[in-house]
Amino acid sequence: MAVLHIGIDDTDEPGFAIGTGKLARIIAEALKNCEIPIIDFAVIRHQLLMDPAIPYTSHNSPASIMLSIDCDDSAIRNIIRKRSHTICKRLILDNCAPSSDPGICIAFDDEISSSLTTFGFHAASRVLTKQEAYDAAGAQILLEELGGTGDGIIGSAAAVGLSHTGNTGRYLEFNGLLRSQVSSVRANFLRSHGITLLCITKTADPIPDDAEIELACWPRPRRLFDSPVLLIEKKERAWILFDQKSKKEKSVDKNHD
């Protein structure tokens, strides 16, 4: 099995209907339906530094798309990389905002070096340059400017580096499970689909398989140890999501996640 990481950033502008997270979900859906032998897929949001020196729309949060692919043959992997690049580039150019500065980064897991993961962590705490992104990616990793200033390659490269670590970000999508409009879901359903549940109350109560978890918003698992981990609280007799969005956050993020 091979894991392909695709990072995108700087695709939107204030008030634009399609944010970077939403565009990443559109791309993931398109890749899922293009005859690539995908075992599972995820879209992950990463948080980078918010600083006046950095032009960002609302949160400075690039997105990474992760595809677990049933293929270890190098020649077929190259075909998959090229096909993914073609589809991603077309969808970004067709859906990005007019004043955006999009960039894209594509790499298989075993191509990602420590310099790129370090770059990702640095992007969360300092202002970086395009040249630093190119240097961190190296010659083997596809890193491409797709318009405007091309500054989106900074967040795109950081997203791939962070995605590779397996311990940063939160899931916007995981195998099509996270965007359903149900009001509650059983714990055993989430577990059977690869989502780990972690109770964070002081007593660390075990979460029974038949527990009904109330969903006031879409689940947003954390990425920990290469897996989606959903933080759960116990409130009296109810099990609820820890990562609940406020009404203000829902309004701001409705087109971005």
Protein backbone atom coordinates (compact mmCIF):
# COMPACT_ATOMS: atom_id res chain seq x y z
CA MET A 1 0.00 0.00 0.00
CA ALA A 2 1.16 3.54 -0.77
CA VAL A 3 -0.07 6.81 0.71
CA LEU A 4 -0.32 9.87 -1.52
CA HIS A 5 -0.41 13.31 0.14
CA ILE A 6 -1.80 16.33 -1.74
CA GLY A 7 -1.54 19.79 -0.18
CA ILE A 8 -3.44 22.85 -1.42
CA ASP A 9 -3.59 26.44 -0.16
CA ASP A 10 -4.42 30.04 -1.04
CA THR A 11 -7.37 29.16 -3.27
CA ASP A 12 -9.97 31.58 -1.92
CA GLU A 13 -10.65 35.20 -0.95
CA PRO A 14 -13.00 36.91 1.56
CA GLY A 15 -16.63 36.13 0.76
CA PHE A 16 -15.81 33.54 -1.91
CA ALA A 17 -18.21 30.60 -2.00
CA ILE A 18 -15.61 27.81 -2.04
CA GLY A 19 -12.96 27.81 0.65
CA THR A 20 -9.80 25.72 0.59
CA GLY A 21 -11.26 22.99 2.80
CA LYS A 22 -14.37 22.68 0.67
CA LEU A 23 -12.29 22.60 -2.52
CA ALA A 24 -10.12 19.86 -1.03
CA ARG A 25 -13.25 17.79 -0.41
CA ILE A 26 -14.34 18.35 -4.03
CA ILE A 27 -10.93 17.17 -5.23
CA ALA A 28 -10.98 14.11 -2.97
CA GLU A 29 -14.39 13.10 -4.32
CA ALA A 30 -13.16 13.50 -7.90
CA LEU A 31 -10.05 11.40 -7.24
CA LYS A 32 -12.15 8.72 -5.58
CA ASN A 33 -14.14 8.37 -8.82
CA CYS A 34 -11.28 8.38 -11.36
CA GLU A 35 -10.25 4.71 -11.35
CA ILE A 36 -7.37 5.13 -8.89
CA PRO A 37 -7.30 2.01 -6.63
CA ILE A 38 -8.09 3.92 -3.41
CA ILE A 39 -8.47 1.94 -0.18
CA ASP A 40 -9.48 4.94 1.90
CA PHE A 41 -9.24 8.74 1.75
CA ALA A 42 -9.21 11.71 4.10
CA VAL A 43 -9.17 15.50 3.98
CA ILE A 44 -7.32 17.22 6.82
CA ARG A 45 -7.25 20.87 7.88
CA HIS A 46 -3.98 22.25 9.25
CA GLN A 47 -3.49 25.45 11.24
CA LEU A 48 -0.53 27.67 10.33
CA LEU A 49 0.73 30.92 11.83
CA MET A 50 -1.67 33.88 11.75
CA ASP A 51 0.50 36.97 11.38
CA PRO A 52 -0.01 40.41 9.73
CA ALA A 53 2.93 39.61 7.44
CA ILE A 54 1.01 36.67 5.95
CA PRO A 55 -1.90 37.31 3.56
CA TYR A 56 -4.65 34.83 4.48
CA THR A 57 -8.43 34.79 4.10
CA SER A 58 -9.71 33.87 7.56
CA HIS A 59 -7.60 31.27 9.41
CA ASN A 60 -4.45 30.53 7.35
CA SER A 61 -5.43 26.88 7.18
CA PRO A 62 -4.27 24.82 4.19
CA ALA A 63 -5.74 21.39 3.51
CA SER A 64 -4.19 18.05 2.73
CA ILE A 65 -5.81 15.15 0.93
CA MET A 66 -4.58 11.68 1.86
CA LEU A 67 -5.18 8.71 -0.41
CA SER A 68 -4.28 5.18 0.69
CA ILE A 69 -3.69 3.36 -2.59
CA ASP A 70 -3.50 -0.34 -3.32
CA CYS A 71 -0.26 -0.14 -5.30
CA ASP A 72 3.45 -0.56 -4.65
CA ASP A 73 4.69 -0.59 -8.25
CA SER A 74 6.80 2.52 -8.97
CA ALA A 75 5.67 2.86 -12.60
CA ILE A 76 1.99 2.73 -11.64
CA ARG A 77 2.63 5.15 -8.78
CA ASN A 78 4.01 7.65 -11.28
CA ILE A 79 0.90 7.26 -13.42
CA ILE A 80 -1.27 7.86 -10.35
CA ARG A 81 0.77 10.93 -9.42
CA LYS A 82 0.36 12.40 -12.92
CA ARG A 83 -3.35 11.64 -13.03
CA SER A 84 -3.88 13.14 -9.57
CA HIS A 85 -1.90 16.23 -10.53
CA THR A 86 -3.96 16.74 -13.70
CA ILE A 87 -7.28 16.42 -11.85
CA CYS A 88 -6.19 18.60 -8.91
CA LYS A 89 -4.78 21.33 -11.11
CA ARG A 90 -7.92 21.47 -13.27
CA LEU A 91 -10.26 21.63 -10.27
CA ILE A 92 -8.18 24.29 -8.52
CA LEU A 93 -8.01 26.51 -11.61
CA ASP A 94 -11.73 26.02 -12.26
CA ASN A 95 -12.79 26.77 -8.68
CA CYS A 96 -10.26 29.13 -7.11
CA ALA A 97 -11.05 32.78 -6.43
CA PRO A 98 -9.95 35.39 -9.01
CA SER A 99 -7.51 37.12 -6.66
CA SER A 100 -6.12 33.94 -5.06
CA ASP A 101 -2.52 32.73 -5.14
CA PRO A 102 -2.95 28.94 -5.26
CA GLY A 103 -0.29 26.32 -4.91
CA ILE A 104 -0.19 22.54 -4.86
CA CYS A 105 2.17 19.94 -3.42
CA ILE A 106 2.02 16.21 -4.20
CA ALA A 107 4.17 13.45 -2.70
CA PHE A 108 4.06 9.82 -1.72
CA ASP A 109 4.68 9.10 1.93
CA ASP A 110 8.10 7.53 1.41
CA GLU A 111 9.31 10.57 -0.56
CA ILE A 112 8.72 13.03 2.27
CA SER A 113 11.90 13.96 4.11
CA SER A 114 12.42 15.33 7.61
CA SER A 115 13.15 18.74 6.04
CA LEU A 116 9.56 18.96 4.77
CA THR A 117 8.02 17.89 8.08
CA THR A 118 10.23 20.44 9.87
CA PHE A 119 9.09 23.07 7.36
CA GLY A 120 5.48 22.21 8.24
CA PHE A 121 6.09 22.72 11.95
CA HIS A 122 7.96 25.98 11.27
CA ALA A 123 5.02 27.25 9.20
CA ALA A 124 2.88 27.04 12.33
CA SER A 125 5.17 29.40 14.22
CA ARG A 126 7.05 31.69 11.81
CA VAL A 127 6.80 33.54 8.49
CA LEU A 128 8.34 31.51 5.66
CA THR A 129 9.17 32.13 2.00
CA LYS A 130 8.52 30.34 -1.28
CA GLN A 131 12.22 29.59 -1.64
CA GLU A 132 12.22 27.88 1.75
CA ALA A 133 9.26 25.78 0.56
CA TYR A 134 11.14 24.73 -2.60
CA ASP A 135 14.27 23.94 -0.58
CA ALA A 136 12.31 21.81 1.91
CA ALA A 137 10.44 19.90 -0.81
CA GLY A 138 13.55 19.12 -2.83
CA ALA A 139 13.66 17.94 -6.43
CA GLN A 140 11.64 14.75 -5.97
CA ILE A 141 8.41 16.33 -4.69
CA LEU A 142 5.98 18.10 -7.01
CA LEU A 143 5.50 21.69 -5.81
CA GLU A 144 3.76 24.06 -8.22
CA GLU A 145 2.50 27.64 -8.27
CA LEU A 146 -0.90 27.90 -9.98
CA GLY A 147 -1.46 31.64 -10.28
CA GLY A 148 -1.12 35.05 -8.69
CA THR A 149 1.95 35.33 -6.48
CA GLY A 150 2.06 31.55 -6.09
CA ASP A 151 2.43 31.97 -2.32
CA GLY A 152 0.08 29.02 -1.89
CA ILE A 153 3.03 26.67 -2.31
CA ILE A 154 4.12 27.61 1.21
CA GLY A 155 0.94 26.32 2.85
CA SER A 156 0.69 23.42 0.41
CA ALA A 157 4.18 22.18 1.25
CA ALA A 158 3.52 22.69 4.97
CA ALA A 159 0.26 20.73 4.72
CA VAL A 160 2.02 17.73 3.16
CA GLY A 161 4.81 17.85 5.74
CA LEU A 162 2.34 18.04 8.62
CA SER A 163 0.08 15.37 7.15
CA HIS A 164 3.06 13.03 6.95
CA THR A 165 3.73 13.34 10.71
CA GLY A 166 0.39 11.71 11.53
CA ASN A 167 -0.16 13.90 14.60
CA THR A 168 -1.46 17.29 13.50
CA GLY A 169 -4.65 18.74 12.09
CA ARG A 170 -8.29 17.74 12.17
CA TYR A 171 -10.31 15.75 9.68
CA LEU A 172 -12.78 17.52 7.40
CA GLU A 173 -13.64 14.18 5.77
CA PHE A 174 -12.81 10.52 6.29
CA ASN A 175 -14.12 7.99 3.77
CA GLY A 176 -17.33 9.98 3.34
CA LEU A 177 -18.42 9.51 6.98
CA LEU A 178 -18.19 12.96 8.54
CA ARG A 179 -20.66 15.16 6.65
CA SER A 180 -23.93 13.31 7.27
CA GLN A 181 -26.90 15.26 8.62
CA VAL A 182 -27.83 12.88 11.46
CA SER A 183 -28.42 14.17 15.01
CA SER A 184 -26.70 11.26 16.75
CA VAL A 185 -24.62 8.20 16.01
CA ARG A 186 -23.73 5.05 17.94
CA ALA A 187 -20.18 4.60 19.18
CA ASN A 188 -19.83 1.17 17.58
CA PHE A 189 -20.68 2.61 14.15
CA LEU A 190 -17.80 5.10 14.35
CA ARG A 191 -15.40 2.48 15.69
CA SER A 192 -16.32 -0.01 12.98
CA HIS A 193 -15.38 2.62 10.39
CA GLY A 194 -11.92 3.31 11.79
CA ILE A 195 -12.57 6.27 14.12
CA THR A 196 -11.14 6.03 17.65
CA LEU A 197 -13.24 7.50 20.47
CA LEU A 198 -11.53 9.11 23.45
CA CYS A 199 -13.42 10.31 26.52
CA ILE A 200 -11.79 13.45 27.94
CA THR A 201 -13.83 13.89 31.14
CA LYS A 202 -11.89 13.78 34.41
CA THR A 203 -13.14 10.30 35.21
CA ALA A 204 -12.21 9.02 31.71
CA ASP A 205 -15.41 6.99 31.49
CA PRO A 206 -15.31 4.09 29.02
CA ILE A 207 -17.61 4.75 26.07
CA PRO A 208 -19.93 1.75 25.54
CA ASP A 209 -20.43 0.50 21.99
CA ASP A 210 -24.15 1.23 22.25
CA ALA A 211 -23.64 4.82 23.48
CA GLU A 212 -25.51 7.42 21.43
CA ILE A 213 -23.22 10.36 20.69
CA GLU A 214 -25.10 13.60 20.09
CA LEU A 215 -23.99 15.56 17.03
CA ALA A 216 -24.68 19.28 17.24
CA CYS A 217 -22.31 19.70 14.29
CA TRP A 218 -20.21 17.56 11.98
CA PRO A 219 -17.65 15.41 13.82
CA ARG A 220 -14.13 16.82 13.54
CA PRO A 221 -11.69 14.13 14.65
CA ARG A 222 -8.12 15.09 15.54
CA ARG A 223 -5.33 13.40 13.58
CA LEU A 224 -3.33 11.46 16.16
CA PHE A 225 -1.02 8.48 15.61
CA ASP A 226 -1.98 8.38 11.90
CA SER A 227 -5.66 7.93 12.76
CA PRO A 228 -8.85 9.95 13.29
CA VAL A 229 -9.49 10.38 17.03
CA LEU A 230 -12.80 11.87 18.14
CA LEU A 231 -12.80 13.57 21.53
CA ILE A 232 -15.98 12.87 23.51
CA GLU A 233 -17.36 14.46 26.70
CA LYS A 234 -19.89 12.97 29.08
CA LYS A 235 -22.48 15.52 30.19
CA GLU A 236 -24.82 14.02 32.78
CA ARG A 237 -26.39 11.19 30.74
CA ALA A 238 -25.39 12.47 27.30
CA TRP A 239 -22.27 11.84 25.25
CA ILE A 240 -21.33 14.88 23.16
CA LEU A 241 -18.52 16.04 20.87
CA PHE A 242 -15.78 18.04 22.57
CA ASP A 243 -14.98 20.01 19.39
CA GLN A 244 -18.29 21.84 19.05
CA LYS A 245 -18.41 24.96 16.90
CA SER A 246 -20.01 28.12 18.23
CA LYS A 247 -22.66 29.86 16.10
CA LYS A 248 -20.06 32.46 15.10
CA GLU A 249 -17.59 29.77 14.01
CA LYS A 250 -20.25 27.95 12.03
CA SER A 251 -21.07 31.16 10.17
CA VAL A 252 -17.42 31.91 9.37
CA ASP A 253 -16.55 28.34 8.37
CA LYS A 254 -19.66 27.28 6.48
CA ASN A 255 -17.98 27.59 3.07
CA HIS A 256 -14.45 26.78 4.17
CA ASP A 257 -14.74 23.36 5.84
